Amino acid sequence: MKLPNTPDLWLSTFPRPAEDDHKYRRGHSVIMGANNYTGATRLAAEACSRVGSGLVTVLSEAQADVYRATLPADIMVRADSLRDINRPTAILAGPGGCDEIAAEAICSSDPGLAVVLDADAIRLCAELSHTSRIITPHFAEFERYFGRTGASLSNAAQDVANAQGVTVVLKGPTTWIAGPDGRLAESHHASPYLAKAGTGDVLAGLVTGLVAQGMPAFEASCAGVWLHGEASLRVGPGLIPQDLTAELRPVLKDLLG
């Protein structure tokens, strides 16, 4: 059954900090920093922090100095290894690119971590044994890694979710969110001005920040898509990806009250 992606579908699982919470209870997101397209990593990291992840760390040996100079002060930058990160709960790879060093680190990481794969990191999907995995392809990426979609994008997304045991966020004018348990949600709640480089990196950061806080993969994916779309509708014409993160604060305030 196709479910409409409205807050009624996922709001009961949306993370809200308790009065006695601390940063580690709100999740630690680790983002594998791109070597070349560093702006994509930065967009994802800022969105991840804005949606509530208690800590966000960008991991990059090659471009650590660039990230330290350009990221907001609340986002940590590390140049060592994933094994040295303190108490991570989610990993994001793909925004801006995922080289083989990052790929090997993810494949050997704790399978209890949630993993979000975007762009070229989607190639790792079948290699991972992590219980919670989310992939966020657009149409061309989906066909590159999983073959032709055929007439039905929703069926194609569901087939991959079932076969791979992952949550699929197939991005487009209609975005399909398919869970490995057979659930399928569709979203038209978005502005056409999202058709711009960098907006998908923001979405990947949102989803990562939510799963890092303990939100289940399917619900986190649906919530990330809705927040992304709602922010885009409020911004409207002239939208650039940075606007989405800035708009999240009033969106979250209205959503959570």
C-alpha atoms as a PDB file:
ATOM      1  CA  MET A   1       0.000   0.000   0.000  1.00  0.00           C
ATOM      2  CA  LYS A   2       1.275   3.474  -0.911  1.00  0.00           C
ATOM      3  CA  LEU A   3       1.248   5.787   2.093  1.00  0.00           C
ATOM      4  CA  PRO A   4       1.164   9.588   1.797  1.00  0.00           C
ATOM      5  CA  ASN A   5       4.269  11.056   3.401  1.00  0.00           C
ATOM      6  CA  THR A   6       2.704  13.370   5.971  1.00  0.00           C
ATOM      7  CA  PRO A   7       3.853  14.007   9.552  1.00  0.00           C
ATOM      8  CA  ASP A   8       1.155  11.621  10.796  1.00  0.00           C
ATOM      9  CA  LEU A   9       3.287   8.813   9.378  1.00  0.00           C
ATOM     10  CA  TRP A  10       6.399   9.522  11.461  1.00  0.00           C
ATOM     11  CA  LEU A  11       5.902  12.330  13.973  1.00  0.00           C
ATOM     12  CA  SER A  12       5.452   9.957  16.940  1.00  0.00           C
ATOM     13  CA  THR A  13       9.033   8.712  16.407  1.00  0.00           C
ATOM     14  CA  PHE A  14      10.582  12.132  15.758  1.00  0.00           C
ATOM     15  CA  PRO A  15      13.425  12.779  18.250  1.00  0.00           C
ATOM     16  CA  ARG A  16      12.804  15.345  20.954  1.00  0.00           C
ATOM     17  CA  PRO A  17      15.478  15.990  23.602  1.00  0.00           C
ATOM     18  CA  ALA A  18      14.609  15.229  27.218  1.00  0.00           C
ATOM     19  CA  GLU A  19      15.378  17.727  29.955  1.00  0.00           C
ATOM     20  CA  ASP A  20      18.337  15.656  31.152  1.00  0.00           C
ATOM     21  CA  ASP A  21      19.766  14.848  27.703  1.00  0.00           C
ATOM     22  CA  HIS A  22      23.348  15.512  26.723  1.00  0.00           C
ATOM     23  CA  LYS A  23      25.054  15.699  23.347  1.00  0.00           C
ATOM     24  CA  TYR A  24      25.951  12.017  23.096  1.00  0.00           C
ATOM     25  CA  ARG A  25      22.373  10.954  23.774  1.00  0.00           C
ATOM     26  CA  ARG A  26      21.345  13.096  20.817  1.00  0.00           C
ATOM     27  CA  GLY A  27      23.580  11.099  18.514  1.00  0.00           C
ATOM     28  CA  HIS A  28      26.990  11.469  16.927  1.00  0.00           C
ATOM     29  CA  SER A  29      26.980  11.712  13.129  1.00  0.00           C
ATOM     30  CA  VAL A  30      30.195  11.055  11.233  1.00  0.00           C
ATOM     31  CA  ILE A  31      30.391  12.373   7.678  1.00  0.00           C
ATOM     32  CA  MET A  32      33.082  11.079   5.385  1.00  0.00           C
ATOM     33  CA  GLY A  33      34.522  14.245   3.885  1.00  0.00           C
ATOM     34  CA  ALA A  34      34.904  14.509   0.114  1.00  0.00           C
ATOM     35  CA  ASN A  35      38.347  15.223  -1.265  1.00  0.00           C
ATOM     36  CA  ASN A  36      37.234  17.345  -4.232  1.00  0.00           C
ATOM     37  CA  TYR A  37      33.651  18.587  -3.917  1.00  0.00           C
ATOM     38  CA  THR A  38      34.014  19.767  -0.342  1.00  0.00           C
ATOM     39  CA  GLY A  39      30.944  22.017  -0.587  1.00  0.00           C
ATOM     40  CA  ALA A  40      28.687  18.970  -0.788  1.00  0.00           C
ATOM     41  CA  THR A  41      30.081  17.609   2.473  1.00  0.00           C
ATOM     42  CA  ARG A  42      29.638  20.999   4.104  1.00  0.00           C
ATOM     43  CA  LEU A  43      25.981  21.213   3.045  1.00  0.00           C
ATOM     44  CA  ALA A  44      25.296  17.758   4.459  1.00  0.00           C
ATOM     45  CA  ALA A  45      27.113  18.468   7.727  1.00  0.00           C
ATOM     46  CA  GLU A  46      25.260  21.721   8.387  1.00  0.00           C
ATOM     47  CA  ALA A  47      21.874  20.123   7.716  1.00  0.00           C
ATOM     48  CA  CYS A  48      22.765  17.211   9.973  1.00  0.00           C
ATOM     49  CA  SER A  49      23.606  19.561  12.821  1.00  0.00           C
ATOM     50  CA  ARG A  50      20.527  21.735  12.300  1.00  0.00           C
ATOM     51  CA  VAL A  51      18.149  18.782  12.494  1.00  0.00           C
ATOM     52  CA  GLY A  52      19.449  17.964  15.949  1.00  0.00           C
ATOM     53  CA  SER A  53      22.375  15.541  15.900  1.00  0.00           C
ATOM     54  CA  GLY A  54      24.181  16.136  19.188  1.00  0.00           C
ATOM     55  CA  LEU A  55      27.606  15.972  17.557  1.00  0.00           C
ATOM     56  CA  VAL A  56      28.641  16.136  13.929  1.00  0.00           C
ATOM     57  CA  THR A  57      32.147  15.187  12.856  1.00  0.00           C
ATOM     58  CA  VAL A  58      33.559  15.529   9.355  1.00  0.00           C
ATOM     59  CA  LEU A  59      36.314  12.986   8.817  1.00  0.00           C
ATOM     60  CA  SER A  60      38.925  13.912   6.205  1.00  0.00           C
ATOM     61  CA  GLU A  61      42.674  13.473   6.139  1.00  0.00           C
ATOM     62  CA  ALA A  62      43.229  15.133   2.775  1.00  0.00           C
ATOM     63  CA  GLN A  63      41.057  18.219   3.272  1.00  0.00           C
ATOM     64  CA  ALA A  64      40.918  18.682   7.036  1.00  0.00           C
ATOM     65  CA  ASP A  65      42.319  22.208   6.832  1.00  0.00           C
ATOM     66  CA  VAL A  66      39.692  23.216   4.266  1.00  0.00           C
ATOM     67  CA  TYR A  67      36.891  21.899   6.436  1.00  0.00           C
ATOM     68  CA  ARG A  68      38.237  23.565   9.578  1.00  0.00           C
ATOM     69  CA  ALA A  69      38.342  26.884   7.753  1.00  0.00           C
ATOM     70  CA  THR A  70      34.880  26.679   6.212  1.00  0.00           C
ATOM     71  CA  LEU A  71      32.542  24.708   8.470  1.00  0.00           C
ATOM     72  CA  PRO A  72      30.534  26.305  11.293  1.00  0.00           C
ATOM     73  CA  ALA A  73      32.184  26.206  14.689  1.00  0.00           C
ATOM     74  CA  ASP A  74      29.879  23.526  16.096  1.00  0.00           C
ATOM     75  CA  ILE A  75      31.011  20.897  13.572  1.00  0.00           C
ATOM     76  CA  MET A  76      34.150  18.982  14.475  1.00  0.00           C
ATOM     77  CA  VAL A  77      36.799  18.021  11.933  1.00  0.00           C
ATOM     78  CA  ARG A  78      39.058  15.009  12.350  1.00  0.00           C
ATOM     79  CA  ALA A  79      41.964  13.859  10.188  1.00  0.00           C
ATOM     80  CA  ASP A  80      42.462  10.427  11.759  1.00  0.00           C
ATOM     81  CA  SER A  81      40.422   7.239  11.329  1.00  0.00           C
ATOM     82  CA  LEU A  82      36.837   6.211  11.892  1.00  0.00           C
ATOM     83  CA  ARG A  83      38.037   3.821  14.614  1.00  0.00           C
ATOM     84  CA  ASP A  84      39.198   6.822  16.663  1.00  0.00           C
ATOM     85  CA  ILE A  85      35.830   8.584  16.691  1.00  0.00           C
ATOM     86  CA  ASN A  86      34.156   8.641  20.102  1.00  0.00           C
ATOM     87  CA  ARG A  87      30.714   6.984  20.316  1.00  0.00           C
ATOM     88  CA  PRO A  88      29.439   7.429  16.749  1.00  0.00           C
ATOM     89  CA  THR A  89      25.857   6.427  15.996  1.00  0.00           C
ATOM     90  CA  ALA A  90      25.544   7.094  12.239  1.00  0.00           C
ATOM     91  CA  ILE A  91      27.792   7.419   9.206  1.00  0.00           C
ATOM     92  CA  LEU A  92      27.095   9.351   6.013  1.00  0.00           C
ATOM     93  CA  ALA A  93      29.131   8.833   2.853  1.00  0.00           C
ATOM     94  CA  GLY A  94      28.722  10.105  -0.682  1.00  0.00           C
ATOM     95  CA  PRO A  95      28.083  13.859  -0.665  1.00  0.00           C
ATOM     96  CA  GLY A  96      30.899  15.143  -2.863  1.00  0.00           C
ATOM     97  CA  GLY A  97      32.339  11.664  -3.419  1.00  0.00           C
ATOM     98  CA  CYS A  98      33.474   8.576  -1.531  1.00  0.00           C
ATOM     99  CA  ASP A  99      37.006   7.356  -2.214  1.00  0.00           C
ATOM    100  CA  GLU A 100      38.283   3.836  -1.562  1.00  0.00           C
ATOM    101  CA  ILE A 101      39.841   4.760   1.791  1.00  0.00           C
ATOM    102  CA  ALA A 102      36.468   5.968   3.060  1.00  0.00           C
ATOM    103  CA  ALA A 103      34.748   2.944   1.537  1.00  0.00           C
ATOM    104  CA  GLU A 104      37.075   0.519   3.334  1.00  0.00           C
ATOM    105  CA  ALA A 105      36.536   2.331   6.629  1.00  0.00           C
ATOM    106  CA  ILE A 106      32.758   2.071   6.296  1.00  0.00           C
ATOM    107  CA  CYS A 107      32.862  -1.601   5.300  1.00  0.00           C
ATOM    108  CA  SER A 108      34.931  -2.443   8.394  1.00  0.00           C
ATOM    109  CA  SER A 109      32.900  -0.283  10.802  1.00  0.00           C
ATOM    110  CA  ASP A 110      30.614  -1.495  13.579  1.00  0.00           C
ATOM    111  CA  PRO A 111      27.530  -3.087  11.962  1.00  0.00           C
ATOM    112  CA  GLY A 112      25.442  -1.568  14.747  1.00  0.00           C
ATOM    113  CA  LEU A 113      25.945   1.895  13.267  1.00  0.00           C
ATOM    114  CA  ALA A 114      23.316   3.371  10.975  1.00  0.00           C
ATOM    115  CA  VAL A 115      24.713   4.057   7.513  1.00  0.00           C
ATOM    116  CA  VAL A 116      23.406   6.520   4.931  1.00  0.00           C
ATOM    117  CA  LEU A 117      24.796   6.182   1.393  1.00  0.00           C
ATOM    118  CA  ASP A 118      24.421   8.931  -1.174  1.00  0.00           C
ATOM    119  CA  ALA A 119      25.771   9.409  -4.730  1.00  0.00           C
ATOM    120  CA  ASP A 120      28.761   7.169  -5.528  1.00  0.00           C
ATOM    121  CA  ALA A 121      28.777   5.625  -2.035  1.00  0.00           C
ATOM    122  CA  ILE A 122      25.604   3.756  -3.043  1.00  0.00           C
ATOM    123  CA  ARG A 123      27.947   1.259  -4.714  1.00  0.00           C
ATOM    124  CA  LEU A 124      28.746  -0.080  -1.226  1.00  0.00           C
ATOM    125  CA  CYS A 125      25.170  -1.058  -0.448  1.00  0.00           C
ATOM    126  CA  ALA A 126      25.479  -4.797  -1.061  1.00  0.00           C
ATOM    127  CA  GLU A 127      28.845  -5.040   0.729  1.00  0.00           C
ATOM    128  CA  LEU A 128      27.598  -3.839   4.110  1.00  0.00           C
ATOM    129  CA  SER A 129      26.144  -5.950   6.897  1.00  0.00           C
ATOM    130  CA  HIS A 130      24.892  -2.977   8.921  1.00  0.00           C
ATOM    131  CA  THR A 131      21.368  -3.483  10.209  1.00  0.00           C
ATOM    132  CA  SER A 132      20.224   0.065   9.427  1.00  0.00           C
ATOM    133  CA  ARG A 133      21.115   1.170   5.882  1.00  0.00           C
ATOM    134  CA  ILE A 134      19.589   3.955   3.818  1.00  0.00           C
ATOM    135  CA  ILE A 135      20.372   4.859   0.214  1.00  0.00           C
ATOM    136  CA  THR A 136      19.337   8.170  -1.376  1.00  0.00           C
ATOM    137  CA  PRO A 137      19.710   7.888  -5.181  1.00  0.00           C
ATOM    138  CA  HIS A 138      18.192  10.067  -7.831  1.00  0.00           C
ATOM    139  CA  PHE A 139      16.863   8.333 -10.947  1.00  0.00           C
ATOM    140  CA  ALA A 140      20.189   8.139 -12.822  1.00  0.00           C
ATOM    141  CA  GLU A 141      22.078   6.846  -9.785  1.00  0.00           C
ATOM    142  CA  PHE A 142      19.406   4.247  -9.153  1.00  0.00           C
ATOM    143  CA  GLU A 143      19.699   2.880 -12.694  1.00  0.00           C
ATOM    144  CA  ARG A 144      23.513   2.994 -12.555  1.00  0.00           C
ATOM    145  CA  TYR A 145      23.671   0.722  -9.524  1.00  0.00           C
ATOM    146  CA  PHE A 146      20.487  -1.358  -9.764  1.00  0.00           C
ATOM    147  CA  GLY A 147      19.527  -1.457 -13.448  1.00  0.00           C
ATOM    148  CA  ARG A 148      16.582  -0.061 -15.356  1.00  0.00           C
ATOM    149  CA  THR A 149      13.551   0.903 -13.327  1.00  0.00           C
ATOM    150  CA  GLY A 150      10.921  -0.108 -15.875  1.00  0.00           C
ATOM    151  CA  ALA A 151       7.531   1.549 -15.955  1.00  0.00           C
ATOM    152  CA  SER A 152       7.063   1.840 -12.188  1.00  0.00           C
ATOM    153  CA  LEU A 153       9.557   3.750 -10.049  1.00  0.00           C
ATOM    154  CA  SER A 154       7.717   2.732  -6.902  1.00  0.00           C
ATOM    155  CA  ASN A 155       7.958  -0.968  -7.753  1.00  0.00           C
ATOM    156  CA  ALA A 156      11.643  -0.608  -8.602  1.00  0.00           C
ATOM    157  CA  ALA A 157      12.361   1.110  -5.282  1.00  0.00           C
ATOM    158  CA  GLN A 158      10.447  -1.549  -3.372  1.00  0.00           C
ATOM    159  CA  ASP A 159      12.194  -4.389  -5.196  1.00  0.00           C
ATOM    160  CA  VAL A 160      15.629  -3.031  -4.240  1.00  0.00           C
ATOM    161  CA  ALA A 161      14.537  -2.401  -0.648  1.00  0.00           C
ATOM    162  CA  ASN A 162      13.349  -6.005  -0.372  1.00  0.00           C
ATOM    163  CA  ALA A 163      16.349  -7.545  -2.140  1.00  0.00           C
ATOM    164  CA  GLN A 164      19.035  -5.505  -0.365  1.00  0.00           C
ATOM    165  CA  GLY A 165      17.379  -5.120   3.050  1.00  0.00           C
ATOM    166  CA  VAL A 166      17.740  -1.339   2.899  1.00  0.00           C
ATOM    167  CA  THR A 167      15.537   1.723   3.009  1.00  0.00           C
ATOM    168  CA  VAL A 168      15.455   3.374  -0.422  1.00  0.00           C
ATOM    169  CA  VAL A 169      14.827   7.085  -0.961  1.00  0.00           C
ATOM    170  CA  LEU A 170      14.357   7.393  -4.724  1.00  0.00           C
ATOM    171  CA  LYS A 171      14.429  11.144  -5.366  1.00  0.00           C
ATOM    172  CA  GLY A 172      12.476  12.898  -8.096  1.00  0.00           C
ATOM    173  CA  PRO A 173       9.345  14.991  -8.795  1.00  0.00           C
ATOM    174  CA  THR A 174       7.649  12.249  -6.810  1.00  0.00           C
ATOM    175  CA  THR A 175       9.987  10.844  -4.183  1.00  0.00           C
ATOM    176  CA  TRP A 176       9.455   7.231  -3.173  1.00  0.00           C
ATOM    177  CA  ILE A 177      10.535   5.912   0.223  1.00  0.00           C
ATOM    178  CA  ALA A 178      10.581   2.128   0.353  1.00  0.00           C
ATOM    179  CA  GLY A 179      11.342   0.063   3.442  1.00  0.00           C
ATOM    180  CA  PRO A 180      12.626  -3.510   3.543  1.00  0.00           C
ATOM    181  CA  ASP A 181       9.491  -4.457   5.490  1.00  0.00           C
ATOM    182  CA  GLY A 182       7.267  -3.618   2.500  1.00  0.00           C
ATOM    183  CA  ARG A 183       6.183  -0.137   3.511  1.00  0.00           C
ATOM    184  CA  LEU A 184       6.102   2.423   0.710  1.00  0.00           C
ATOM    185  CA  ALA A 185       5.532   6.169   1.022  1.00  0.00           C
ATOM    186  CA  GLU A 186       5.207   8.745  -1.722  1.00  0.00           C
ATOM    187  CA  SER A 187       5.923  12.449  -1.474  1.00  0.00           C
ATOM    188  CA  HIS A 188       4.893  15.295  -3.775  1.00  0.00           C
ATOM    189  CA  HIS A 189       5.525  17.835  -1.009  1.00  0.00           C
ATOM    190  CA  ALA A 190       8.359  19.808  -2.586  1.00  0.00           C
ATOM    191  CA  SER A 191       9.221  22.772  -4.786  1.00  0.00           C
ATOM    192  CA  PRO A 192      10.501  22.366  -8.363  1.00  0.00           C
ATOM    193  CA  TYR A 193      13.266  24.783  -7.342  1.00  0.00           C
ATOM    194  CA  LEU A 194      14.900  21.809  -5.597  1.00  0.00           C
ATOM    195  CA  ALA A 195      16.206  20.802  -9.031  1.00  0.00           C
ATOM    196  CA  LYS A 196      19.593  22.294  -8.222  1.00  0.00           C
ATOM    197  CA  ALA A 197      23.015  20.899  -7.353  1.00  0.00           C
ATOM    198  CA  GLY A 198      23.546  20.491  -3.617  1.00  0.00           C
ATOM    199  CA  THR A 199      19.953  20.033  -2.492  1.00  0.00           C
ATOM    200  CA  GLY A 200      20.389  16.254  -2.341  1.00  0.00           C
ATOM    201  CA  ASP A 201      23.366  16.696  -0.021  1.00  0.00           C
ATOM    202  CA  VAL A 202      21.135  18.637   2.363  1.00  0.00           C
ATOM    203  CA  LEU A 203      18.585  15.801   2.299  1.00  0.00           C
ATOM    204  CA  ALA A 204      21.258  13.197   3.036  1.00  0.00           C
ATOM    205  CA  GLY A 205      22.411  15.267   6.008  1.00  0.00           C
ATOM    206  CA  LEU A 206      18.868  15.559   7.354  1.00  0.00           C
ATOM    207  CA  VAL A 207      18.250  11.823   7.170  1.00  0.00           C
ATOM    208  CA  THR A 208      21.605  11.095   8.817  1.00  0.00           C
ATOM    209  CA  GLY A 209      20.957  13.515  11.656  1.00  0.00           C
ATOM    210  CA  LEU A 210      17.613  11.855  12.366  1.00  0.00           C
ATOM    211  CA  VAL A 211      18.842   8.238  12.354  1.00  0.00           C
ATOM    212  CA  ALA A 212      21.809   9.320  14.484  1.00  0.00           C
ATOM    213  CA  GLN A 213      19.279  10.352  17.135  1.00  0.00           C
ATOM    214  CA  GLY A 214      17.660   6.925  17.072  1.00  0.00           C
ATOM    215  CA  MET A 215      14.809   7.478  14.642  1.00  0.00           C
ATOM    216  CA  PRO A 216      14.053   4.276  12.679  1.00  0.00           C
ATOM    217  CA  ALA A 217      15.376   4.248   9.124  1.00  0.00           C
ATOM    218  CA  PHE A 218      12.051   4.336   7.270  1.00  0.00           C
ATOM    219  CA  GLU A 219      10.567   7.039   9.489  1.00  0.00           C
ATOM    220  CA  ALA A 220      13.787   9.095   9.410  1.00  0.00           C
ATOM    221  CA  SER A 221      13.823   8.920   5.626  1.00  0.00           C
ATOM    222  CA  CYS A 222      10.204  10.018   5.377  1.00  0.00           C
ATOM    223  CA  ALA A 223      10.728  12.833   7.881  1.00  0.00           C
ATOM    224  CA  GLY A 224      13.874  14.033   6.112  1.00  0.00           C
ATOM    225  CA  VAL A 225      12.066  14.127   2.776  1.00  0.00           C
ATOM    226  CA  TRP A 226       9.134  16.052   4.263  1.00  0.00           C
ATOM    227  CA  LEU A 227      11.338  18.603   6.067  1.00  0.00           C
ATOM    228  CA  HIS A 228      13.383  19.086   2.908  1.00  0.00           C
ATOM    229  CA  GLY A 229      10.246  19.628   0.839  1.00  0.00           C
ATOM    230  CA  GLU A 230       8.583  21.922   3.362  1.00  0.00           C
ATOM    231  CA  ALA A 231      11.683  24.116   3.581  1.00  0.00           C
ATOM    232  CA  SER A 232      11.853  24.295  -0.217  1.00  0.00           C
ATOM    233  CA  LEU A 233       8.219  25.378  -0.493  1.00  0.00           C
ATOM    234  CA  ARG A 234       8.762  28.136   2.056  1.00  0.00           C
ATOM    235  CA  VAL A 235      11.865  29.429   0.269  1.00  0.00           C
ATOM    236  CA  GLY A 236      10.393  29.268  -3.257  1.00  0.00           C
ATOM    237  CA  PRO A 237      12.017  31.051  -6.207  1.00  0.00           C
ATOM    238  CA  GLY A 238      15.694  31.877  -5.919  1.00  0.00           C
ATOM    239  CA  LEU A 239      16.364  28.831  -3.757  1.00  0.00           C
ATOM    240  CA  ILE A 240      19.953  27.740  -3.214  1.00  0.00           C
ATOM    241  CA  PRO A 241      20.813  24.719  -1.032  1.00  0.00           C
ATOM    242  CA  GLN A 242      22.043  26.834   1.884  1.00  0.00           C
ATOM    243  CA  ASP A 243      18.554  28.360   2.140  1.00  0.00           C
ATOM    244  CA  LEU A 244      17.093  24.976   3.067  1.00  0.00           C
ATOM    245  CA  THR A 245      19.205  24.637   6.201  1.00  0.00           C
ATOM    246  CA  ALA A 246      18.430  28.198   7.242  1.00  0.00           C
ATOM    247  CA  GLU A 247      14.704  27.557   6.777  1.00  0.00           C
ATOM    248  CA  LEU A 248      14.740  24.397   8.910  1.00  0.00           C
ATOM    249  CA  ARG A 249      14.571  26.296  12.194  1.00  0.00           C
ATOM    250  CA  PRO A 250      11.082  27.766  11.644  1.00  0.00           C
ATOM    251  CA  VAL A 251       9.931  24.519   9.999  1.00  0.00           C
ATOM    252  CA  LEU A 252      10.991  22.502  13.061  1.00  0.00           C
ATOM    253  CA  LYS A 253       9.479  25.052  15.415  1.00  0.00           C
ATOM    254  CA  ASP A 254       6.115  24.824  13.671  1.00  0.00           C
ATOM    255  CA  LEU A 255       6.280  21.029  13.473  1.00  0.00           C
ATOM    256  CA  LEU A 256       7.213  20.407  17.091  1.00  0.00           C
ATOM    257  CA  GLY A 257       5.425  23.309  18.742  1.00  0.00           C
END
